[in-house]
Amino acid sequence: MAPFPPSVRIWFFQRALDDIYAAYEASAKAHSTRPDEIEKEVRSRLGIGPNDPFPERDDDDEFDLIGRLYDDAGELQEQATRGSHLVRKAFLIALFHHWERFVNSSLKRAKYGHPKSWLKQQGREDCAKSILVLQKVANCAKHGPGNSCKELYRMRPDLFPRVSTEKEATENRLVIDGVELDKLFDAARKAAG
């Protein structure tokens, strides 16, 4: 059987990348609508309309049900925020894994290594840094504290907004927002061709 032409391999990569991105968007949307759902539920429980002011809580009353309702709603919103962050990290790891398999298959390798020279041969040398960032971000997200987190901090300290030294750069302090993840998806798409 003849080997796949590069264009076929790229086509399969791009189609699977579209599927990964669609799954990410669906998961992200589920978490982004959660705060609205929580507010709607709280308003329903309180019997107030969408434009009515919320009643005041009474922090002096240990049995204040309104205060407890607000506290529970706040915990649910924090959970949604944490969930959004976890979803982005999970899809970031999936994105890099997909890229890694594509490169290994294209170069007939068993083990991934940054494909800078291959990207240059393909006329996509400008993608090399973005792909290296993708690799370091994925490894930091997967493995936690270590060389990838430190190297990523040196490359992109903005991804660790509450960190002042590379020693503090850990998976727990890595912040990947939706805009950054979109940039990484775009980088992989562009680098593939």
N, C-alpha and C. Protein backbone atom coordinates (compact mmCIF):
# COMPACT_ATOMS: atom_id res chain seq x y z
N MET A 1 0.84 -1.18 0.00
CA MET A 1 0.00 0.00 0.00
C MET A 1 0.89 1.25 0.00
N ALA A 2 0.54 2.19 -0.82
CA ALA A 2 1.32 3.43 -0.94
C ALA A 2 1.13 4.28 0.31
N PRO A 3 2.16 5.02 0.71
CA PRO A 3 2.01 5.88 1.88
C PRO A 3 1.03 7.02 1.58
N PHE A 4 0.43 7.50 2.65
CA PHE A 4 -0.49 8.63 2.51
C PHE A 4 0.26 9.85 2.00
N PRO A 5 -0.30 10.57 1.05
CA PRO A 5 0.29 11.86 0.69
C PRO A 5 0.11 12.81 1.90
N PRO A 6 1.03 13.74 2.09
CA PRO A 6 0.91 14.66 3.23
C PRO A 6 -0.44 15.37 3.29
N SER A 7 -1.02 15.69 2.15
CA SER A 7 -2.30 16.41 2.16
C SER A 7 -3.42 15.59 2.80
N VAL A 8 -3.37 14.27 2.64
CA VAL A 8 -4.40 13.40 3.25
C VAL A 8 -4.19 13.36 4.77
N ARG A 9 -2.95 13.24 5.19
CA ARG A 9 -2.64 13.21 6.61
C ARG A 9 -3.08 14.53 7.26
N ILE A 10 -2.82 15.64 6.59
CA ILE A 10 -3.22 16.96 7.10
C ILE A 10 -4.74 17.05 7.17
N TRP A 11 -5.43 16.53 6.15
CA TRP A 11 -6.89 16.57 6.14
C TRP A 11 -7.45 15.83 7.36
N PHE A 12 -6.93 14.63 7.62
CA PHE A 12 -7.40 13.87 8.79
C PHE A 12 -7.08 14.60 10.09
N PHE A 13 -5.91 15.20 10.17
CA PHE A 13 -5.53 15.97 11.36
C PHE A 13 -6.52 17.11 11.58
N GLN A 14 -6.80 17.87 10.51
CA GLN A 14 -7.69 19.03 10.64
C GLN A 14 -9.11 18.61 11.02
N ARG A 15 -9.61 17.52 10.44
CA ARG A 15 -10.97 17.07 10.75
C ARG A 15 -11.06 16.65 12.22
N ALA A 16 -10.08 15.90 12.69
CA ALA A 16 -10.09 15.50 14.10
C ALA A 16 -9.92 16.71 15.01
N LEU A 17 -9.11 17.67 14.57
CA LEU A 17 -8.94 18.90 15.35
C LEU A 17 -10.27 19.64 15.46
N ASP A 18 -11.03 19.68 14.37
CA ASP A 18 -12.36 20.29 14.40
C ASP A 18 -13.26 19.59 15.42
N ASP A 19 -13.17 18.26 15.47
CA ASP A 19 -13.98 17.49 16.43
C ASP A 19 -13.57 17.80 17.87
N ILE A 20 -12.28 17.87 18.10
CA ILE A 20 -11.79 18.19 19.45
C ILE A 20 -12.27 19.58 19.85
N TYR A 21 -12.16 20.53 18.93
CA TYR A 21 -12.57 21.90 19.24
C TYR A 21 -14.08 21.97 19.49
N ALA A 22 -14.86 21.26 18.70
CA ALA A 22 -16.32 21.25 18.90
C ALA A 22 -16.68 20.68 20.27
N ALA A 23 -15.98 19.63 20.67
CA ALA A 23 -16.22 19.05 22.00
C ALA A 23 -15.83 20.04 23.09
N TYR A 24 -14.72 20.73 22.88
CA TYR A 24 -14.30 21.76 23.84
C TYR A 24 -15.35 22.86 23.95
N GLU A 25 -15.82 23.36 22.80
CA GLU A 25 -16.82 24.43 22.82
C GLU A 25 -18.08 24.01 23.57
N ALA A 26 -18.53 22.79 23.34
CA ALA A 26 -19.74 22.29 24.02
C ALA A 26 -19.51 22.22 25.53
N SER A 27 -18.36 21.73 25.92
CA SER A 27 -18.06 21.63 27.35
C SER A 27 -17.91 23.01 27.98
N ALA A 28 -17.24 23.91 27.28
CA ALA A 28 -17.05 25.27 27.80
C ALA A 28 -18.38 25.99 27.91
N LYS A 29 -19.26 25.79 26.95
CA LYS A 29 -20.57 26.44 26.97
C LYS A 29 -21.39 25.96 28.17
N ALA A 30 -21.30 24.68 28.47
CA ALA A 30 -22.04 24.15 29.62
C ALA A 30 -21.61 24.84 30.91
N HIS A 31 -20.32 25.13 31.04
CA HIS A 31 -19.84 25.80 32.25
C HIS A 31 -20.12 27.30 32.22
N SER A 32 -20.11 27.90 31.04
CA SER A 32 -20.31 29.35 30.97
C SER A 32 -21.76 29.74 31.23
N THR A 33 -22.71 28.84 30.96
CA THR A 33 -24.11 29.15 31.23
C THR A 33 -24.49 28.84 32.67
N ARG A 34 -23.63 28.17 33.38
CA ARG A 34 -23.94 27.78 34.76
C ARG A 34 -24.26 28.96 35.68
N PRO A 35 -23.50 30.07 35.66
CA PRO A 35 -23.85 31.19 36.54
C PRO A 35 -25.25 31.73 36.28
N ASP A 36 -25.67 31.80 35.01
CA ASP A 36 -27.04 32.25 34.70
C ASP A 36 -28.08 31.28 35.24
N GLU A 37 -27.78 29.99 35.13
CA GLU A 37 -28.70 28.98 35.66
C GLU A 37 -28.81 29.08 37.17
N ILE A 38 -27.69 29.33 37.83
CA ILE A 38 -27.68 29.44 39.28
C ILE A 38 -28.50 30.65 39.71
N GLU A 39 -28.28 31.79 39.04
CA GLU A 39 -29.06 32.98 39.40
C GLU A 39 -30.55 32.75 39.18
N LYS A 40 -30.90 32.11 38.07
CA LYS A 40 -32.31 31.82 37.79
C LYS A 40 -32.91 30.94 38.89
N GLU A 41 -32.15 29.95 39.32
CA GLU A 41 -32.62 29.05 40.39
C GLU A 41 -32.80 29.81 41.71
N VAL A 42 -31.84 30.67 42.05
CA VAL A 42 -31.94 31.45 43.29
C VAL A 42 -33.16 32.35 43.23
N ARG A 43 -33.35 33.03 42.11
CA ARG A 43 -34.52 33.91 41.96
C ARG A 43 -35.82 33.12 42.08
N SER A 44 -35.83 31.92 41.50
CA SER A 44 -37.01 31.07 41.58
C SER A 44 -37.30 30.68 43.03
N ARG A 45 -36.25 30.28 43.75
CA ARG A 45 -36.42 29.88 45.16
C ARG A 45 -36.91 31.04 46.03
N LEU A 46 -36.46 32.25 45.67
CA LEU A 46 -36.86 33.43 46.44
C LEU A 46 -38.20 34.00 45.98
N GLY A 47 -38.68 33.51 44.84
CA GLY A 47 -39.95 33.99 44.31
C GLY A 47 -39.86 35.40 43.75
N ILE A 48 -38.70 35.75 43.20
CA ILE A 48 -38.53 37.09 42.62
C ILE A 48 -38.28 36.98 41.12
N GLY A 49 -38.62 38.03 40.40
CA GLY A 49 -38.47 38.06 38.96
C GLY A 49 -37.05 38.38 38.52
N PRO A 50 -36.82 38.34 37.21
CA PRO A 50 -35.47 38.54 36.69
C PRO A 50 -34.90 39.94 36.92
N ASN A 51 -35.75 40.92 37.14
CA ASN A 51 -35.27 42.29 37.35
C ASN A 51 -35.47 42.79 38.78
N ASP A 52 -36.05 41.94 39.61
CA ASP A 52 -36.28 42.34 41.01
C ASP A 52 -34.97 42.32 41.78
N PRO A 53 -34.84 43.23 42.75
CA PRO A 53 -33.62 43.22 43.57
C PRO A 53 -33.61 41.99 44.50
N PHE A 54 -32.42 41.53 44.80
CA PHE A 54 -32.28 40.42 45.74
C PHE A 54 -32.51 40.93 47.16
N PRO A 55 -33.20 40.15 47.98
CA PRO A 55 -33.37 40.56 49.39
C PRO A 55 -32.02 40.53 50.12
N GLU A 56 -31.90 41.35 51.13
CA GLU A 56 -30.68 41.40 51.92
C GLU A 56 -30.58 40.16 52.80
N ARG A 57 -29.37 39.73 53.04
CA ARG A 57 -29.12 38.64 53.97
C ARG A 57 -28.98 39.23 55.36
N ASP A 58 -29.17 38.41 56.37
CA ASP A 58 -29.01 38.85 57.76
C ASP A 58 -27.90 38.02 58.39
N ASP A 59 -26.68 38.57 58.34
CA ASP A 59 -25.52 37.84 58.86
C ASP A 59 -25.54 37.69 60.38
N ASP A 60 -26.41 38.44 61.06
CA ASP A 60 -26.52 38.31 62.52
C ASP A 60 -27.39 37.13 62.91
N ASP A 61 -28.15 36.60 61.97
CA ASP A 61 -29.04 35.46 62.24
C ASP A 61 -28.39 34.19 61.72
N GLU A 62 -27.97 33.29 62.63
CA GLU A 62 -27.29 32.07 62.19
C GLU A 62 -28.20 31.14 61.40
N PHE A 63 -29.50 31.35 61.46
CA PHE A 63 -30.45 30.52 60.72
C PHE A 63 -30.99 31.23 59.49
N ASP A 64 -30.33 32.28 59.05
CA ASP A 64 -30.77 33.07 57.90
C ASP A 64 -30.71 32.21 56.64
N LEU A 65 -31.88 31.79 56.18
CA LEU A 65 -31.94 30.92 55.00
C LEU A 65 -31.54 31.65 53.72
N ILE A 66 -31.81 32.93 53.66
CA ILE A 66 -31.41 33.70 52.47
C ILE A 66 -29.88 33.73 52.38
N GLY A 67 -29.23 33.98 53.47
CA GLY A 67 -27.78 33.99 53.49
C GLY A 67 -27.20 32.63 53.12
N ARG A 68 -27.81 31.57 53.64
CA ARG A 68 -27.35 30.22 53.31
C ARG A 68 -27.54 29.93 51.83
N LEU A 69 -28.69 30.39 51.28
CA LEU A 69 -28.94 30.21 49.85
C LEU A 69 -27.88 30.93 49.03
N TYR A 70 -27.55 32.16 49.40
CA TYR A 70 -26.52 32.92 48.69
C TYR A 70 -25.16 32.24 48.81
N ASP A 71 -24.85 31.72 49.98
CA ASP A 71 -23.58 31.02 50.17
C ASP A 71 -23.50 29.78 49.28
N ASP A 72 -24.58 29.02 49.25
CA ASP A 72 -24.61 27.82 48.41
C ASP A 72 -24.48 28.19 46.93
N ALA A 73 -25.18 29.25 46.52
CA ALA A 73 -25.09 29.70 45.12
C ALA A 73 -23.66 30.14 44.79
N GLY A 74 -23.02 30.82 45.73
CA GLY A 74 -21.63 31.23 45.53
C GLY A 74 -20.71 30.04 45.37
N GLU A 75 -20.94 29.00 46.17
CA GLU A 75 -20.12 27.79 46.05
C GLU A 75 -20.34 27.11 44.70
N LEU A 76 -21.58 27.11 44.23
CA LEU A 76 -21.87 26.52 42.91
C LEU A 76 -21.19 27.31 41.80
N GLN A 77 -21.16 28.64 41.93
CA GLN A 77 -20.48 29.46 40.92
C GLN A 77 -18.97 29.24 40.95
N GLU A 78 -18.41 29.10 42.14
CA GLU A 78 -16.97 28.80 42.23
C GLU A 78 -16.67 27.44 41.61
N GLN A 79 -17.55 26.49 41.83
CA GLN A 79 -17.39 25.16 41.24
C GLN A 79 -17.43 25.25 39.71
N ALA A 80 -18.32 26.07 39.17
CA ALA A 80 -18.39 26.24 37.72
C ALA A 80 -17.12 26.87 37.18
N THR A 81 -16.57 27.83 37.91
CA THR A 81 -15.31 28.47 37.50
C THR A 81 -14.18 27.46 37.50
N ARG A 82 -14.08 26.67 38.56
CA ARG A 82 -13.04 25.63 38.62
C ARG A 82 -13.25 24.61 37.50
N GLY A 83 -14.49 24.26 37.25
CA GLY A 83 -14.80 23.31 36.19
C GLY A 83 -14.39 23.83 34.82
N SER A 84 -14.62 25.13 34.57
CA SER A 84 -14.21 25.73 33.29
C SER A 84 -12.70 25.62 33.12
N HIS A 85 -11.99 25.90 34.18
CA HIS A 85 -10.53 25.83 34.14
C HIS A 85 -10.06 24.39 33.86
N LEU A 86 -10.69 23.43 34.50
CA LEU A 86 -10.34 22.02 34.27
C LEU A 86 -10.66 21.59 32.84
N VAL A 87 -11.78 22.05 32.32
CA VAL A 87 -12.15 21.72 30.94
C VAL A 87 -11.10 22.24 29.97
N ARG A 88 -10.68 23.49 30.16
CA ARG A 88 -9.66 24.05 29.27
C ARG A 88 -8.35 23.27 29.36
N LYS A 89 -7.94 22.91 30.56
CA LYS A 89 -6.70 22.14 30.70
C LYS A 89 -6.83 20.76 30.05
N ALA A 90 -7.96 20.12 30.23
CA ALA A 90 -8.16 18.80 29.64
C ALA A 90 -8.09 18.86 28.11
N PHE A 91 -8.74 19.86 27.53
CA PHE A 91 -8.72 19.97 26.07
C PHE A 91 -7.37 20.45 25.55
N LEU A 92 -6.66 21.21 26.35
CA LEU A 92 -5.30 21.60 26.00
C LEU A 92 -4.42 20.36 25.89
N ILE A 93 -4.54 19.47 26.85
CA ILE A 93 -3.76 18.22 26.83
C ILE A 93 -4.18 17.38 25.62
N ALA A 94 -5.48 17.30 25.35
CA ALA A 94 -5.96 16.55 24.19
C ALA A 94 -5.42 17.15 22.89
N LEU A 95 -5.40 18.47 22.82
CA LEU A 95 -4.87 19.16 21.64
C LEU A 95 -3.41 18.79 21.40
N PHE A 96 -2.61 18.88 22.46
CA PHE A 96 -1.20 18.56 22.27
C PHE A 96 -1.01 17.08 21.91
N HIS A 97 -1.76 16.21 22.53
CA HIS A 97 -1.66 14.78 22.23
C HIS A 97 -1.97 14.54 20.74
N HIS A 98 -2.98 15.23 20.25
CA HIS A 98 -3.36 15.10 18.84
C HIS A 98 -2.22 15.61 17.94
N TRP A 99 -1.64 16.75 18.29
CA TRP A 99 -0.51 17.31 17.54
C TRP A 99 0.67 16.34 17.57
N GLU A 100 0.97 15.83 18.75
CA GLU A 100 2.10 14.92 18.95
C GLU A 100 1.96 13.68 18.06
N ARG A 101 0.79 13.10 18.02
CA ARG A 101 0.56 11.92 17.18
C ARG A 101 0.69 12.26 15.70
N PHE A 102 0.20 13.44 15.32
CA PHE A 102 0.32 13.88 13.92
C PHE A 102 1.78 14.02 13.51
N VAL A 103 2.58 14.67 14.35
CA VAL A 103 3.99 14.86 14.04
C VAL A 103 4.72 13.52 14.01
N ASN A 104 4.49 12.69 15.01
CA ASN A 104 5.16 11.39 15.05
C ASN A 104 4.80 10.55 13.81
N SER A 105 3.55 10.59 13.41
CA SER A 105 3.13 9.86 12.23
C SER A 105 3.75 10.45 10.97
N SER A 106 3.73 11.77 10.86
CA SER A 106 4.29 12.44 9.68
C SER A 106 5.78 12.19 9.54
N LEU A 107 6.50 12.16 10.67
CA LEU A 107 7.95 11.98 10.64
C LEU A 107 8.37 10.53 10.88
N LYS A 108 7.37 9.66 11.02
CA LYS A 108 7.63 8.23 11.27
C LYS A 108 8.54 8.04 12.48
N ARG A 109 8.15 8.70 13.56
CA ARG A 109 8.88 8.62 14.83
C ARG A 109 8.05 7.86 15.86
N ALA A 110 8.74 7.28 16.80
CA ALA A 110 8.04 6.64 17.92
C ALA A 110 7.90 7.60 19.10
N LYS A 111 8.83 8.57 19.18
CA LYS A 111 8.85 9.49 20.32
C LYS A 111 8.86 10.92 19.81
N TYR A 112 8.07 11.76 20.49
CA TYR A 112 7.95 13.16 20.07
C TYR A 112 9.19 13.96 20.44
N GLY A 113 9.57 14.81 19.55
CA GLY A 113 10.59 15.83 19.77
C GLY A 113 10.12 17.07 19.05
N HIS A 114 10.43 18.23 19.57
CA HIS A 114 9.96 19.46 18.94
C HIS A 114 10.39 19.48 17.47
N PRO A 115 9.44 19.65 16.55
CA PRO A 115 9.74 19.52 15.12
C PRO A 115 10.16 20.83 14.44
N LYS A 116 11.04 21.58 15.06
CA LYS A 116 11.43 22.88 14.51
C LYS A 116 11.96 22.76 13.07
N SER A 117 12.87 21.84 12.83
CA SER A 117 13.45 21.72 11.48
C SER A 117 12.39 21.26 10.48
N TRP A 118 11.50 20.37 10.89
CA TRP A 118 10.42 19.92 10.01
C TRP A 118 9.49 21.08 9.66
N LEU A 119 9.15 21.89 10.68
CA LEU A 119 8.31 23.06 10.42
C LEU A 119 8.99 24.00 9.43
N LYS A 120 10.29 24.16 9.60
CA LYS A 120 11.05 25.03 8.69
C LYS A 120 10.99 24.48 7.26
N GLN A 121 11.18 23.16 7.11
CA GLN A 121 11.11 22.53 5.79
C GLN A 121 9.73 22.72 5.16
N GLN A 122 8.70 22.77 5.99
CA GLN A 122 7.33 22.91 5.50
C GLN A 122 6.95 24.37 5.24
N GLY A 123 7.88 25.29 5.54
CA GLY A 123 7.60 26.72 5.36
C GLY A 123 6.76 27.30 6.48
N ARG A 124 6.79 26.63 7.64
CA ARG A 124 5.99 27.08 8.78
C ARG A 124 6.87 27.31 10.01
N GLU A 125 8.07 27.80 9.77
CA GLU A 125 9.01 28.06 10.86
C GLU A 125 8.43 29.05 11.88
N ASP A 126 7.57 29.96 11.42
CA ASP A 126 6.97 30.94 12.32
C ASP A 126 6.07 30.29 13.37
N CYS A 127 5.71 29.03 13.18
CA CYS A 127 4.86 28.31 14.14
C CYS A 127 5.66 27.62 15.24
N ALA A 128 6.97 27.55 15.09
CA ALA A 128 7.80 26.76 16.01
C ALA A 128 7.64 27.20 17.46
N LYS A 129 7.67 28.50 17.72
CA LYS A 129 7.57 28.97 19.10
C LYS A 129 6.20 28.66 19.69
N SER A 130 5.14 28.88 18.93
CA SER A 130 3.79 28.59 19.43
C SER A 130 3.63 27.11 19.75
N ILE A 131 4.22 26.25 18.92
CA ILE A 131 4.13 24.81 19.16
C ILE A 131 4.95 24.42 20.40
N LEU A 132 6.07 25.08 20.59
CA LEU A 132 6.86 24.82 21.80
C LEU A 132 6.08 25.26 23.05
N VAL A 133 5.40 26.39 22.96
CA VAL A 133 4.55 26.84 24.08
C VAL A 133 3.45 25.81 24.33
N LEU A 134 2.81 25.34 23.26
CA LEU A 134 1.77 24.31 23.41
C LEU A 134 2.32 23.09 24.13
N GLN A 135 3.50 22.64 23.75
CA GLN A 135 4.12 21.48 24.38
C GLN A 135 4.37 21.73 25.87
N LYS A 136 4.95 22.88 26.19
CA LYS A 136 5.27 23.18 27.60
C LYS A 136 4.01 23.36 28.43
N VAL A 137 3.00 24.00 27.86
CA VAL A 137 1.74 24.20 28.59
C VAL A 137 1.10 22.84 28.88
N ALA A 138 1.05 21.99 27.88
CA ALA A 138 0.44 20.66 28.06
C ALA A 138 1.21 19.85 29.09
N ASN A 139 2.54 19.87 29.01
CA ASN A 139 3.33 19.11 29.97
C ASN A 139 3.19 19.67 31.38
N CYS A 140 3.15 20.98 31.50
CA CYS A 140 2.95 21.59 32.82
C CYS A 140 1.59 21.17 33.38
N ALA A 141 0.55 21.24 32.53
CA ALA A 141 -0.80 20.86 32.97
C ALA A 141 -0.88 19.39 33.35
N LYS A 142 -0.15 18.53 32.64
CA LYS A 142 -0.19 17.09 32.91
C LYS A 142 0.64 16.69 34.11
N HIS A 143 1.84 17.23 34.20
CA HIS A 143 2.81 16.71 35.16
C HIS A 143 3.01 17.56 36.40
N GLY A 144 2.51 18.77 36.40
CA GLY A 144 2.68 19.63 37.58
C GLY A 144 4.07 20.21 37.67
N PRO A 145 4.52 20.52 38.88
CA PRO A 145 5.81 21.20 39.05
C PRO A 145 6.94 20.42 38.38
N GLY A 146 7.81 21.16 37.74
CA GLY A 146 8.94 20.52 37.08
C GLY A 146 9.51 21.41 36.01
N ASN A 147 10.33 20.82 35.16
CA ASN A 147 11.03 21.59 34.14
C ASN A 147 10.10 22.29 33.16
N SER A 148 9.04 21.63 32.73
CA SER A 148 8.13 22.25 31.77
C SER A 148 7.49 23.51 32.33
N CYS A 149 7.07 23.45 33.59
CA CYS A 149 6.47 24.64 34.21
C CYS A 149 7.49 25.76 34.33
N LYS A 150 8.70 25.43 34.72
CA LYS A 150 9.75 26.45 34.86
C LYS A 150 10.09 27.05 33.50
N GLU A 151 10.27 26.20 32.49
CA GLU A 151 10.58 26.69 31.14
C GLU A 151 9.45 27.53 30.59
N LEU A 152 8.21 27.09 30.83
CA LEU A 152 7.06 27.86 30.39
C LEU A 152 7.02 29.22 31.08
N TYR A 153 7.31 29.25 32.36
CA TYR A 153 7.33 30.52 33.08
C TYR A 153 8.35 31.48 32.45
N ARG A 154 9.51 30.96 32.08
CA ARG A 154 10.53 31.81 31.45
C ARG A 154 10.05 32.32 30.08
N MET A 155 9.30 31.48 29.36
CA MET A 155 8.80 31.86 28.04
C MET A 155 7.57 32.77 28.13
N ARG A 156 6.65 32.40 29.03
CA ARG A 156 5.35 33.07 29.11
C ARG A 156 4.94 33.29 30.56
N PRO A 157 5.57 34.22 31.26
CA PRO A 157 5.19 34.46 32.66
C PRO A 157 3.74 34.92 32.81
N ASP A 158 3.17 35.46 31.75
CA ASP A 158 1.77 35.91 31.80
C ASP A 158 0.80 34.75 32.05
N LEU A 159 1.22 33.52 31.80
CA LEU A 159 0.34 32.37 32.05
C LEU A 159 0.33 31.96 33.53
N PHE A 160 1.14 32.64 34.32
CA PHE A 160 1.21 32.41 35.77
C PHE A 160 1.03 33.76 36.47
N PRO A 161 -0.16 34.34 36.43
CA PRO A 161 -0.34 35.72 36.92
C PRO A 161 -0.07 35.93 38.41
N ARG A 162 -0.15 34.90 39.20
CA ARG A 162 0.07 35.05 40.65
C ARG A 162 1.41 34.46 41.08
N VAL A 163 2.37 34.45 40.15
CA VAL A 163 3.67 33.84 40.40
C VAL A 163 4.75 34.87 40.14
N SER A 164 5.77 34.91 41.02
CA SER A 164 6.84 35.89 40.83
C SER A 164 8.20 35.25 40.52
N THR A 165 8.31 33.92 40.66
CA THR A 165 9.56 33.24 40.31
C THR A 165 9.22 31.91 39.64
N GLU A 166 10.16 31.41 38.86
CA GLU A 166 9.92 30.14 38.16
C GLU A 166 9.72 28.98 39.13
N LYS A 167 10.27 29.07 40.34
CA LYS A 167 10.09 28.00 41.33
C LYS A 167 8.63 27.86 41.75
N GLU A 168 7.87 28.96 41.65
CA GLU A 168 6.46 28.94 42.04
C GLU A 168 5.54 28.50 40.89
N ALA A 169 6.11 28.33 39.70
CA ALA A 169 5.31 27.98 38.53
C ALA A 169 4.92 26.50 38.60
N THR A 170 3.64 26.26 38.84
CA THR A 170 3.12 24.90 38.94
C THR A 170 1.82 24.80 38.15
N GLU A 171 1.37 23.59 37.97
CA GLU A 171 0.10 23.36 37.27
C GLU A 171 -1.04 24.08 37.98
N ASN A 172 -1.03 24.11 39.30
CA ASN A 172 -2.11 24.76 40.04
C ASN A 172 -2.16 26.26 39.81
N ARG A 173 -1.05 26.84 39.42
CA ARG A 173 -1.00 28.29 39.21
C ARG A 173 -1.03 28.67 37.73
N LEU A 174 -1.05 27.68 36.87
CA LEU A 174 -1.15 27.91 35.44
C LEU A 174 -2.57 28.37 35.10
N VAL A 175 -2.68 29.47 34.36
CA VAL A 175 -3.99 30.00 33.99
C VAL A 175 -4.10 30.03 32.46
N ILE A 176 -4.98 29.20 31.94
CA ILE A 176 -5.26 29.16 30.51
C ILE A 176 -6.71 29.60 30.32
N ASP A 177 -6.88 30.80 29.78
CA ASP A 177 -8.25 31.25 29.53
C ASP A 177 -8.68 30.82 28.14
N GLY A 178 -9.92 31.09 27.80
CA GLY A 178 -10.45 30.66 26.51
C GLY A 178 -9.73 31.29 25.33
N VAL A 179 -9.31 32.54 25.46
CA VAL A 179 -8.59 33.22 24.38
C VAL A 179 -7.25 32.53 24.13
N GLU A 180 -6.54 32.21 25.21
CA GLU A 180 -5.24 31.54 25.06
C GLU A 180 -5.40 30.16 24.45
N LEU A 181 -6.41 29.43 24.88
CA LEU A 181 -6.62 28.09 24.32
C LEU A 181 -6.97 28.18 22.84
N ASP A 182 -7.77 29.17 22.46
CA ASP A 182 -8.07 29.37 21.04
C ASP A 182 -6.80 29.63 20.24
N LYS A 183 -5.89 30.42 20.80
CA LYS A 183 -4.62 30.70 20.12
C LYS A 183 -3.81 29.42 19.92
N LEU A 184 -3.84 28.54 20.91
CA LEU A 184 -3.09 27.29 20.81
C LEU A 184 -3.72 26.36 19.77
N PHE A 185 -5.05 26.32 19.71
CA PHE A 185 -5.71 25.54 18.65
C PHE A 185 -5.32 26.10 17.28
N ASP A 186 -5.35 27.42 17.15
CA ASP A 186 -4.98 28.05 15.88
C ASP A 186 -3.53 27.74 15.50
N ALA A 187 -2.65 27.74 16.49
CA ALA A 187 -1.24 27.45 16.23
C ALA A 187 -1.07 26.05 15.69
N ALA A 188 -1.75 25.07 16.28
CA ALA A 188 -1.65 23.69 15.81
C ALA A 188 -2.22 23.57 14.40
N ARG A 189 -3.34 24.23 14.16
CA ARG A 189 -3.96 24.19 12.83
C ARG A 189 -3.01 24.77 11.78
N LYS A 190 -2.43 25.92 12.08
CA LYS A 190 -1.52 26.58 11.14
C LYS A 190 -0.24 25.75 10.94
N ALA A 191 0.30 25.21 12.03
CA ALA A 191 1.55 24.44 11.94
C ALA A 191 1.36 23.17 11.11
N ALA A 192 0.17 22.58 11.15
CA ALA A 192 -0.07 21.34 10.38
C ALA A 192 -0.12 21.62 8.88
N GLY A 193 -0.54 22.81 8.52
CA GLY A 193 -0.57 23.15 7.09
C GLY A 193 -1.94 23.33 6.54
